[in-house]
Amino acid sequence: MKSILKLAILALVFIGSSCKKDDVTTPVDPIDTDAAFTTTIKYNSLDAVEITADHYHVGKDKPVIVMCHQASYSRGEYQEIAVTLNSLGFNCIAIDQRSGSGVNGVVNQTYISATAAGLPTSYTDSKQDITASISWAKAYYNKDVILWGSSYSASLSLIIANENADVEQVLVFSPGEYLSGINVQTEVTGLNKPAFLTSAKAEAPGVTNLYNVISSTDKVQYTPSGAGRHGASALWTTEPHHAEYWTAVKSFLGV
């Protein structure tokens, strides 16, 4: 009788565990991956804060770009940009970092999660969100990622690219010395991965300082012919020089 009861308890435990909700850090195909889709996903940062991201998928065999927004923004920075990159054959994961607010009608949900947990939301606190997103993308696509940053996240992206073996190349828009207590130029010295750096024209001298310490032979600094714009929003079609920025990006990506 005792052995029968024990087996019954074990069966209940097994059933309960099999019905447990999937861990948000585990990539799960929300839709048939033979077809393109766009969906909003959630997974955990390194400190368990819930990250919200928009997943623009075109195919498991395609490269994947992890896209990080500028200060006071959200993943909404990439609504238009990600669609264009999809058309060029790239999967995109546009993330909300915990340092941000909103743009293009998209509220930064990771900021809300972090503040609800009583956690700090400085630029440097967002580094763990980017790192966790790289891990999610690497696990989902089973390949190294392309890292893309804008403004403060451009600086973080260069640093992370220099540290993280899962990043194969990096594109950054208006990187600079924005990180309290961190000298970005020192941290990216010796970066030996393909790197694309751009900015508004007025920001170009500071970007050149970063460009010069990157050791990769496959590196590009693009400066627009006109004033340009700060951050990745330089690629928005509302911006007068967006076409020339796109030409430079496509050339670097080989498309």
C-alpha atoms as a PDB file:
ATOM      1  CA  MET A   1       0.000   0.000   0.000  1.00  0.00           C
ATOM      2  CA  LYS A   2       2.843   2.395   0.887  1.00  0.00           C
ATOM      3  CA  SER A   3       4.594   1.701  -2.401  1.00  0.00           C
ATOM      4  CA  ILE A   4       1.386   2.381  -4.349  1.00  0.00           C
ATOM      5  CA  LEU A   5       0.938   5.685  -2.479  1.00  0.00           C
ATOM      6  CA  LYS A   6       4.537   6.646  -3.188  1.00  0.00           C
ATOM      7  CA  LEU A   7       4.094   5.999  -6.902  1.00  0.00           C
ATOM      8  CA  ALA A   8       0.943   8.112  -6.926  1.00  0.00           C
ATOM      9  CA  ILE A   9       2.754  11.041  -5.289  1.00  0.00           C
ATOM     10  CA  LEU A  10       5.621  10.785  -7.780  1.00  0.00           C
ATOM     11  CA  ALA A  11       3.133  10.782 -10.654  1.00  0.00           C
ATOM     12  CA  LEU A  12       1.505  13.954  -9.336  1.00  0.00           C
ATOM     13  CA  VAL A  13       4.890  15.661  -9.010  1.00  0.00           C
ATOM     14  CA  PHE A  14       5.759  14.708 -12.588  1.00  0.00           C
ATOM     15  CA  ILE A  15       2.451  15.991 -13.934  1.00  0.00           C
ATOM     16  CA  GLY A  16       2.820  19.248 -12.026  1.00  0.00           C
ATOM     17  CA  SER A  17       6.344  19.828 -13.295  1.00  0.00           C
ATOM     18  CA  SER A  18       5.351  19.062 -16.882  1.00  0.00           C
ATOM     19  CA  CYS A  19       2.606  21.688 -16.688  1.00  0.00           C
ATOM     20  CA  LYS A  20       4.958  24.337 -15.319  1.00  0.00           C
ATOM     21  CA  LYS A  21       5.142  27.534 -17.404  1.00  0.00           C
ATOM     22  CA  ASP A  22       8.201  27.783 -19.640  1.00  0.00           C
ATOM     23  CA  ASP A  23      11.075  29.791 -18.197  1.00  0.00           C
ATOM     24  CA  VAL A  24      11.086  33.171 -20.005  1.00  0.00           C
ATOM     25  CA  THR A  25      14.851  32.877 -20.491  1.00  0.00           C
ATOM     26  CA  THR A  26      14.371  29.812 -22.725  1.00  0.00           C
ATOM     27  CA  PRO A  27      13.853  30.705 -26.396  1.00  0.00           C
ATOM     28  CA  VAL A  28      10.635  29.186 -27.729  1.00  0.00           C
ATOM     29  CA  ASP A  29       9.424  29.417 -31.333  1.00  0.00           C
ATOM     30  CA  PRO A  30       6.145  31.355 -31.067  1.00  0.00           C
ATOM     31  CA  ILE A  31       5.340  30.715 -34.735  1.00  0.00           C
ATOM     32  CA  ASP A  32       6.471  28.298 -37.444  1.00  0.00           C
ATOM     33  CA  THR A  33      10.022  29.448 -38.163  1.00  0.00           C
ATOM     34  CA  ASP A  34       9.734  28.586 -41.868  1.00  0.00           C
ATOM     35  CA  ALA A  35       7.639  31.751 -42.162  1.00  0.00           C
ATOM     36  CA  ALA A  36       8.468  35.346 -41.291  1.00  0.00           C
ATOM     37  CA  PHE A  37       6.840  36.848 -38.202  1.00  0.00           C
ATOM     38  CA  THR A  38       7.013  39.789 -35.864  1.00  0.00           C
ATOM     39  CA  THR A  39       6.111  39.332 -32.219  1.00  0.00           C
ATOM     40  CA  THR A  40       6.836  40.801 -28.797  1.00  0.00           C
ATOM     41  CA  ILE A  41       8.832  38.530 -26.505  1.00  0.00           C
ATOM     42  CA  LYS A  42       9.869  38.582 -22.852  1.00  0.00           C
ATOM     43  CA  TYR A  43      12.824  36.975 -21.107  1.00  0.00           C
ATOM     44  CA  ASN A  44      14.981  37.620 -18.053  1.00  0.00           C
ATOM     45  CA  SER A  45      17.947  39.918 -17.691  1.00  0.00           C
ATOM     46  CA  LEU A  46      20.974  38.736 -15.708  1.00  0.00           C
ATOM     47  CA  ASP A  47      19.337  39.958 -12.476  1.00  0.00           C
ATOM     48  CA  ALA A  48      15.908  38.481 -13.394  1.00  0.00           C
ATOM     49  CA  VAL A  49      14.332  41.794 -14.448  1.00  0.00           C
ATOM     50  CA  GLU A  50      11.914  41.039 -17.280  1.00  0.00           C
ATOM     51  CA  ILE A  51      13.136  42.341 -20.637  1.00  0.00           C
ATOM     52  CA  THR A  52      10.628  43.183 -23.364  1.00  0.00           C
ATOM     53  CA  ALA A  53      11.768  42.994 -26.995  1.00  0.00           C
ATOM     54  CA  ASP A  54      10.280  42.959 -30.483  1.00  0.00           C
ATOM     55  CA  HIS A  55      11.362  39.926 -32.491  1.00  0.00           C
ATOM     56  CA  TYR A  56      11.437  40.465 -36.270  1.00  0.00           C
ATOM     57  CA  HIS A  57      12.086  37.013 -37.744  1.00  0.00           C
ATOM     58  CA  VAL A  58      12.743  36.061 -41.358  1.00  0.00           C
ATOM     59  CA  GLY A  59      14.425  32.660 -41.031  1.00  0.00           C
ATOM     60  CA  LYS A  60      16.510  30.494 -38.711  1.00  0.00           C
ATOM     61  CA  ASP A  61      19.294  30.338 -41.310  1.00  0.00           C
ATOM     62  CA  LYS A  62      19.626  34.139 -41.497  1.00  0.00           C
ATOM     63  CA  PRO A  63      21.960  36.364 -39.430  1.00  0.00           C
ATOM     64  CA  VAL A  64      20.546  37.966 -36.284  1.00  0.00           C
ATOM     65  CA  ILE A  65      20.997  41.543 -35.088  1.00  0.00           C
ATOM     66  CA  VAL A  66      20.410  42.561 -31.449  1.00  0.00           C
ATOM     67  CA  MET A  67      19.343  46.222 -31.543  1.00  0.00           C
ATOM     68  CA  CYS A  68      19.724  48.583 -28.575  1.00  0.00           C
ATOM     69  CA  HIS A  69      18.119  52.031 -28.324  1.00  0.00           C
ATOM     70  CA  GLN A  70      19.388  55.457 -27.307  1.00  0.00           C
ATOM     71  CA  ALA A  71      18.768  57.405 -24.098  1.00  0.00           C
ATOM     72  CA  SER A  72      15.121  58.131 -23.205  1.00  0.00           C
ATOM     73  CA  TYR A  73      13.936  55.817 -26.008  1.00  0.00           C
ATOM     74  CA  SER A  74      12.567  52.290 -26.327  1.00  0.00           C
ATOM     75  CA  ARG A  75      12.560  49.431 -28.828  1.00  0.00           C
ATOM     76  CA  GLY A  76      10.243  51.682 -30.844  1.00  0.00           C
ATOM     77  CA  GLU A  77      13.381  53.310 -32.278  1.00  0.00           C
ATOM     78  CA  TYR A  78      13.625  50.285 -34.590  1.00  0.00           C
ATOM     79  CA  GLN A  79      10.068  49.855 -35.883  1.00  0.00           C
ATOM     80  CA  GLU A  80      11.012  51.083 -39.339  1.00  0.00           C
ATOM     81  CA  ILE A  81      14.694  50.115 -39.313  1.00  0.00           C
ATOM     82  CA  ALA A  82      14.087  46.465 -38.408  1.00  0.00           C
ATOM     83  CA  VAL A  83      11.592  46.023 -41.232  1.00  0.00           C
ATOM     84  CA  THR A  84      14.164  47.299 -43.715  1.00  0.00           C
ATOM     85  CA  LEU A  85      16.795  44.958 -42.285  1.00  0.00           C
ATOM     86  CA  ASN A  86      14.327  42.067 -42.576  1.00  0.00           C
ATOM     87  CA  SER A  87      13.992  42.849 -46.285  1.00  0.00           C
ATOM     88  CA  LEU A  88      17.782  42.609 -46.542  1.00  0.00           C
ATOM     89  CA  GLY A  89      17.782  39.139 -44.945  1.00  0.00           C
ATOM     90  CA  PHE A  90      18.474  39.849 -41.270  1.00  0.00           C
ATOM     91  CA  ASN A  91      16.532  38.724 -38.220  1.00  0.00           C
ATOM     92  CA  CYS A  92      16.245  41.506 -35.648  1.00  0.00           C
ATOM     93  CA  ILE A  93      15.627  41.598 -31.905  1.00  0.00           C
ATOM     94  CA  ALA A  94      14.935  45.185 -30.820  1.00  0.00           C
ATOM     95  CA  ILE A  95      15.148  45.388 -27.037  1.00  0.00           C
ATOM     96  CA  ASP A  96      13.993  47.688 -24.271  1.00  0.00           C
ATOM     97  CA  GLN A  97      16.933  48.408 -21.969  1.00  0.00           C
ATOM     98  CA  ARG A  98      16.106  49.499 -18.430  1.00  0.00           C
ATOM     99  CA  SER A  99      17.473  52.975 -19.070  1.00  0.00           C
ATOM    100  CA  GLY A 100      14.927  54.610 -21.336  1.00  0.00           C
ATOM    101  CA  SER A 101      11.380  55.893 -21.677  1.00  0.00           C
ATOM    102  CA  GLY A 102       9.616  55.636 -25.020  1.00  0.00           C
ATOM    103  CA  VAL A 103       9.473  56.658 -28.671  1.00  0.00           C
ATOM    104  CA  ASN A 104       7.118  56.251 -31.621  1.00  0.00           C
ATOM    105  CA  GLY A 105       4.285  55.371 -29.273  1.00  0.00           C
ATOM    106  CA  VAL A 106       6.193  52.439 -27.715  1.00  0.00           C
ATOM    107  CA  VAL A 107       6.683  52.592 -23.929  1.00  0.00           C
ATOM    108  CA  ASN A 108       9.845  51.056 -22.451  1.00  0.00           C
ATOM    109  CA  GLN A 109       8.559  48.033 -20.526  1.00  0.00           C
ATOM    110  CA  THR A 110      11.961  46.941 -19.197  1.00  0.00           C
ATOM    111  CA  TYR A 111      12.306  50.308 -17.455  1.00  0.00           C
ATOM    112  CA  ILE A 112       8.911  49.722 -15.843  1.00  0.00           C
ATOM    113  CA  SER A 113       9.969  46.236 -14.691  1.00  0.00           C
ATOM    114  CA  ALA A 114      13.239  47.485 -13.224  1.00  0.00           C
ATOM    115  CA  THR A 115      11.697  50.409 -11.369  1.00  0.00           C
ATOM    116  CA  ALA A 116       8.914  48.187 -10.018  1.00  0.00           C
ATOM    117  CA  ALA A 117      11.647  45.974  -8.571  1.00  0.00           C
ATOM    118  CA  GLY A 118      13.373  49.011  -7.015  1.00  0.00           C
ATOM    119  CA  LEU A 119      16.485  48.577  -9.164  1.00  0.00           C
ATOM    120  CA  PRO A 120      18.661  51.356 -10.629  1.00  0.00           C
ATOM    121  CA  THR A 121      18.244  52.305 -14.277  1.00  0.00           C
ATOM    122  CA  SER A 122      21.446  54.079 -15.244  1.00  0.00           C
ATOM    123  CA  TYR A 123      23.113  53.633 -18.612  1.00  0.00           C
ATOM    124  CA  THR A 124      25.617  51.160 -17.194  1.00  0.00           C
ATOM    125  CA  ASP A 125      22.860  49.181 -15.448  1.00  0.00           C
ATOM    126  CA  SER A 126      21.557  48.411 -18.944  1.00  0.00           C
ATOM    127  CA  LYS A 127      24.674  46.445 -19.827  1.00  0.00           C
ATOM    128  CA  GLN A 128      23.215  43.295 -18.275  1.00  0.00           C
ATOM    129  CA  ASP A 129      20.075  43.660 -20.415  1.00  0.00           C
ATOM    130  CA  ILE A 130      22.152  43.755 -23.589  1.00  0.00           C
ATOM    131  CA  THR A 131      24.257  40.796 -22.467  1.00  0.00           C
ATOM    132  CA  ALA A 132      21.159  38.723 -21.660  1.00  0.00           C
ATOM    133  CA  SER A 133      19.667  39.613 -25.040  1.00  0.00           C
ATOM    134  CA  ILE A 134      22.791  38.421 -26.835  1.00  0.00           C
ATOM    135  CA  SER A 135      22.512  35.109 -24.982  1.00  0.00           C
ATOM    136  CA  TRP A 136      18.824  34.774 -25.902  1.00  0.00           C
ATOM    137  CA  ALA A 137      19.517  35.446 -29.574  1.00  0.00           C
ATOM    138  CA  LYS A 138      22.511  33.082 -29.630  1.00  0.00           C
ATOM    139  CA  ALA A 139      20.402  30.293 -28.128  1.00  0.00           C
ATOM    140  CA  TYR A 140      17.449  30.895 -30.461  1.00  0.00           C
ATOM    141  CA  TYR A 141      19.437  31.057 -33.695  1.00  0.00           C
ATOM    142  CA  ASN A 142      22.411  28.917 -32.675  1.00  0.00           C
ATOM    143  CA  LYS A 143      24.853  31.462 -34.091  1.00  0.00           C
ATOM    144  CA  ASP A 144      26.870  34.477 -33.023  1.00  0.00           C
ATOM    145  CA  VAL A 145      25.067  37.800 -33.218  1.00  0.00           C
ATOM    146  CA  ILE A 146      25.551  41.208 -34.771  1.00  0.00           C
ATOM    147  CA  LEU A 147      25.293  43.873 -32.062  1.00  0.00           C
ATOM    148  CA  TRP A 148      23.781  47.274 -32.898  1.00  0.00           C
ATOM    149  CA  GLY A 149      23.818  50.266 -30.551  1.00  0.00           C
ATOM    150  CA  SER A 150      22.542  53.851 -30.497  1.00  0.00           C
ATOM    151  CA  SER A 151      24.023  56.685 -28.394  1.00  0.00           C
ATOM    152  CA  TYR A 152      24.740  55.399 -24.859  1.00  0.00           C
ATOM    153  CA  SER A 153      23.981  51.844 -25.971  1.00  0.00           C
ATOM    154  CA  ALA A 154      26.450  52.342 -28.845  1.00  0.00           C
ATOM    155  CA  SER A 155      29.172  52.856 -26.243  1.00  0.00           C
ATOM    156  CA  LEU A 156      28.014  49.811 -24.290  1.00  0.00           C
ATOM    157  CA  SER A 157      27.840  47.788 -27.512  1.00  0.00           C
ATOM    158  CA  LEU A 158      31.475  48.510 -28.358  1.00  0.00           C
ATOM    159  CA  ILE A 159      32.549  47.482 -24.858  1.00  0.00           C
ATOM    160  CA  ILE A 160      30.438  44.320 -24.922  1.00  0.00           C
ATOM    161  CA  ALA A 161      31.678  43.409 -28.400  1.00  0.00           C
ATOM    162  CA  ASN A 162      35.227  43.584 -27.044  1.00  0.00           C
ATOM    163  CA  GLU A 163      34.328  41.262 -24.151  1.00  0.00           C
ATOM    164  CA  ASN A 164      31.707  38.861 -25.457  1.00  0.00           C
ATOM    165  CA  ALA A 165      32.668  35.958 -27.715  1.00  0.00           C
ATOM    166  CA  ASP A 166      29.048  35.622 -28.903  1.00  0.00           C
ATOM    167  CA  VAL A 167      29.257  38.958 -30.765  1.00  0.00           C
ATOM    168  CA  GLU A 168      30.690  38.590 -34.269  1.00  0.00           C
ATOM    169  CA  GLN A 169      30.472  42.213 -35.393  1.00  0.00           C
ATOM    170  CA  VAL A 170      29.152  45.551 -34.176  1.00  0.00           C
ATOM    171  CA  LEU A 171      27.425  48.599 -35.661  1.00  0.00           C
ATOM    172  CA  VAL A 172      27.184  51.754 -33.563  1.00  0.00           C
ATOM    173  CA  PHE A 173      25.488  55.103 -34.063  1.00  0.00           C
ATOM    174  CA  SER A 174      26.860  58.095 -32.136  1.00  0.00           C
ATOM    175  CA  PRO A 175      29.008  56.328 -29.533  1.00  0.00           C
ATOM    176  CA  GLY A 176      30.734  58.576 -26.996  1.00  0.00           C
ATOM    177  CA  GLU A 177      31.969  59.027 -23.466  1.00  0.00           C
ATOM    178  CA  TYR A 178      28.514  58.875 -21.864  1.00  0.00           C
ATOM    179  CA  LEU A 179      29.123  56.228 -19.188  1.00  0.00           C
ATOM    180  CA  SER A 180      29.744  57.432 -15.661  1.00  0.00           C
ATOM    181  CA  GLY A 181      32.999  56.076 -14.233  1.00  0.00           C
ATOM    182  CA  ILE A 182      33.926  54.292 -17.476  1.00  0.00           C
ATOM    183  CA  ASN A 183      36.370  55.485 -20.131  1.00  0.00           C
ATOM    184  CA  VAL A 184      34.936  54.005 -23.304  1.00  0.00           C
ATOM    185  CA  GLN A 185      38.079  54.600 -25.337  1.00  0.00           C
ATOM    186  CA  THR A 186      40.109  52.545 -22.879  1.00  0.00           C
ATOM    187  CA  GLU A 187      37.522  49.771 -22.742  1.00  0.00           C
ATOM    188  CA  VAL A 188      37.328  49.322 -26.522  1.00  0.00           C
ATOM    189  CA  THR A 189      41.059  49.525 -27.200  1.00  0.00           C
ATOM    190  CA  GLY A 190      42.106  46.422 -29.099  1.00  0.00           C
ATOM    191  CA  LEU A 191      38.611  45.477 -30.317  1.00  0.00           C
ATOM    192  CA  ASN A 192      39.350  43.032 -33.126  1.00  0.00           C
ATOM    193  CA  LYS A 193      35.973  42.427 -34.736  1.00  0.00           C
ATOM    194  CA  PRO A 194      34.302  44.032 -37.759  1.00  0.00           C
ATOM    195  CA  ALA A 195      33.039  47.429 -36.589  1.00  0.00           C
ATOM    196  CA  PHE A 196      30.928  50.150 -38.189  1.00  0.00           C
ATOM    197  CA  LEU A 197      30.830  53.556 -36.510  1.00  0.00           C
ATOM    198  CA  THR A 198      28.787  56.576 -37.552  1.00  0.00           C
ATOM    199  CA  SER A 199      27.260  59.717 -36.077  1.00  0.00           C
ATOM    200  CA  ALA A 200      26.075  63.207 -36.830  1.00  0.00           C
ATOM    201  CA  LYS A 201      28.794  65.260 -38.481  1.00  0.00           C
ATOM    202  CA  ALA A 202      29.435  67.367 -35.368  1.00  0.00           C
ATOM    203  CA  GLU A 203      30.063  64.191 -33.340  1.00  0.00           C
ATOM    204  CA  ALA A 204      32.562  62.725 -35.806  1.00  0.00           C
ATOM    205  CA  PRO A 205      35.791  63.837 -34.048  1.00  0.00           C
ATOM    206  CA  GLY A 206      34.800  62.048 -30.844  1.00  0.00           C
ATOM    207  CA  VAL A 207      33.844  58.941 -32.808  1.00  0.00           C
ATOM    208  CA  THR A 208      37.208  59.049 -34.555  1.00  0.00           C
ATOM    209  CA  ASN A 209      38.897  58.762 -31.147  1.00  0.00           C
ATOM    210  CA  LEU A 210      37.097  55.462 -30.637  1.00  0.00           C
ATOM    211  CA  TYR A 211      37.651  54.313 -34.207  1.00  0.00           C
ATOM    212  CA  ASN A 212      41.403  54.833 -33.886  1.00  0.00           C
ATOM    213  CA  VAL A 213      41.807  52.430 -30.946  1.00  0.00           C
ATOM    214  CA  ILE A 214      39.918  49.583 -32.633  1.00  0.00           C
ATOM    215  CA  SER A 215      42.500  47.133 -33.946  1.00  0.00           C
ATOM    216  CA  SER A 216      40.280  45.335 -36.459  1.00  0.00           C
ATOM    217  CA  THR A 217      41.300  45.699 -40.095  1.00  0.00           C
ATOM    218  CA  ASP A 218      37.597  45.500 -40.984  1.00  0.00           C
ATOM    219  CA  LYS A 219      36.346  48.796 -39.593  1.00  0.00           C
ATOM    220  CA  VAL A 220      34.468  51.750 -41.058  1.00  0.00           C
ATOM    221  CA  GLN A 221      33.705  55.252 -39.832  1.00  0.00           C
ATOM    222  CA  TYR A 222      30.991  56.959 -41.833  1.00  0.00           C
ATOM    223  CA  THR A 223      30.365  60.707 -41.589  1.00  0.00           C
ATOM    224  CA  PRO A 224      27.340  62.164 -43.414  1.00  0.00           C
ATOM    225  CA  SER A 225      27.679  64.854 -46.051  1.00  0.00           C
ATOM    226  CA  GLY A 226      25.247  67.089 -44.148  1.00  0.00           C
ATOM    227  CA  ALA A 227      24.562  67.630 -40.458  1.00  0.00           C
ATOM    228  CA  GLY A 228      23.082  64.156 -39.993  1.00  0.00           C
ATOM    229  CA  ARG A 229      21.437  63.069 -36.768  1.00  0.00           C
ATOM    230  CA  HIS A 230      22.382  61.622 -33.392  1.00  0.00           C
ATOM    231  CA  GLY A 231      21.754  57.887 -32.961  1.00  0.00           C
ATOM    232  CA  ALA A 232      20.233  55.175 -35.119  1.00  0.00           C
ATOM    233  CA  SER A 233      17.228  57.380 -35.870  1.00  0.00           C
ATOM    234  CA  ALA A 234      19.474  58.882 -38.570  1.00  0.00           C
ATOM    235  CA  LEU A 235      18.141  55.958 -40.649  1.00  0.00           C
ATOM    236  CA  TRP A 236      14.484  56.999 -40.346  1.00  0.00           C
ATOM    237  CA  THR A 237      13.011  58.018 -43.701  1.00  0.00           C
ATOM    238  CA  THR A 238      11.976  61.338 -42.155  1.00  0.00           C
ATOM    239  CA  GLU A 239      15.651  62.279 -41.884  1.00  0.00           C
ATOM    240  CA  PRO A 240      17.129  64.126 -44.886  1.00  0.00           C
ATOM    241  CA  HIS A 241      20.346  62.072 -45.021  1.00  0.00           C
ATOM    242  CA  HIS A 242      18.862  58.651 -44.267  1.00  0.00           C
ATOM    243  CA  ALA A 243      19.616  57.256 -47.739  1.00  0.00           C
ATOM    244  CA  GLU A 244      23.358  57.845 -47.493  1.00  0.00           C
ATOM    245  CA  TYR A 245      23.472  56.354 -43.997  1.00  0.00           C
ATOM    246  CA  TRP A 246      21.681  53.282 -45.345  1.00  0.00           C
ATOM    247  CA  THR A 247      24.130  53.001 -48.234  1.00  0.00           C
ATOM    248  CA  ALA A 248      27.009  52.912 -45.766  1.00  0.00           C
ATOM    249  CA  VAL A 249      25.265  50.352 -43.515  1.00  0.00           C
ATOM    250  CA  LYS A 250      24.424  48.073 -46.436  1.00  0.00           C
ATOM    251  CA  SER A 251      27.977  48.242 -47.726  1.00  0.00           C
ATOM    252  CA  PHE A 252      29.350  47.221 -44.332  1.00  0.00           C
ATOM    253  CA  LEU A 253      26.857  44.357 -44.029  1.00  0.00           C
ATOM    254  CA  GLY A 254      27.627  43.198 -47.549  1.00  0.00           C
ATOM    255  CA  VAL A 255      24.106  43.531 -48.954  1.00  0.00           C
END
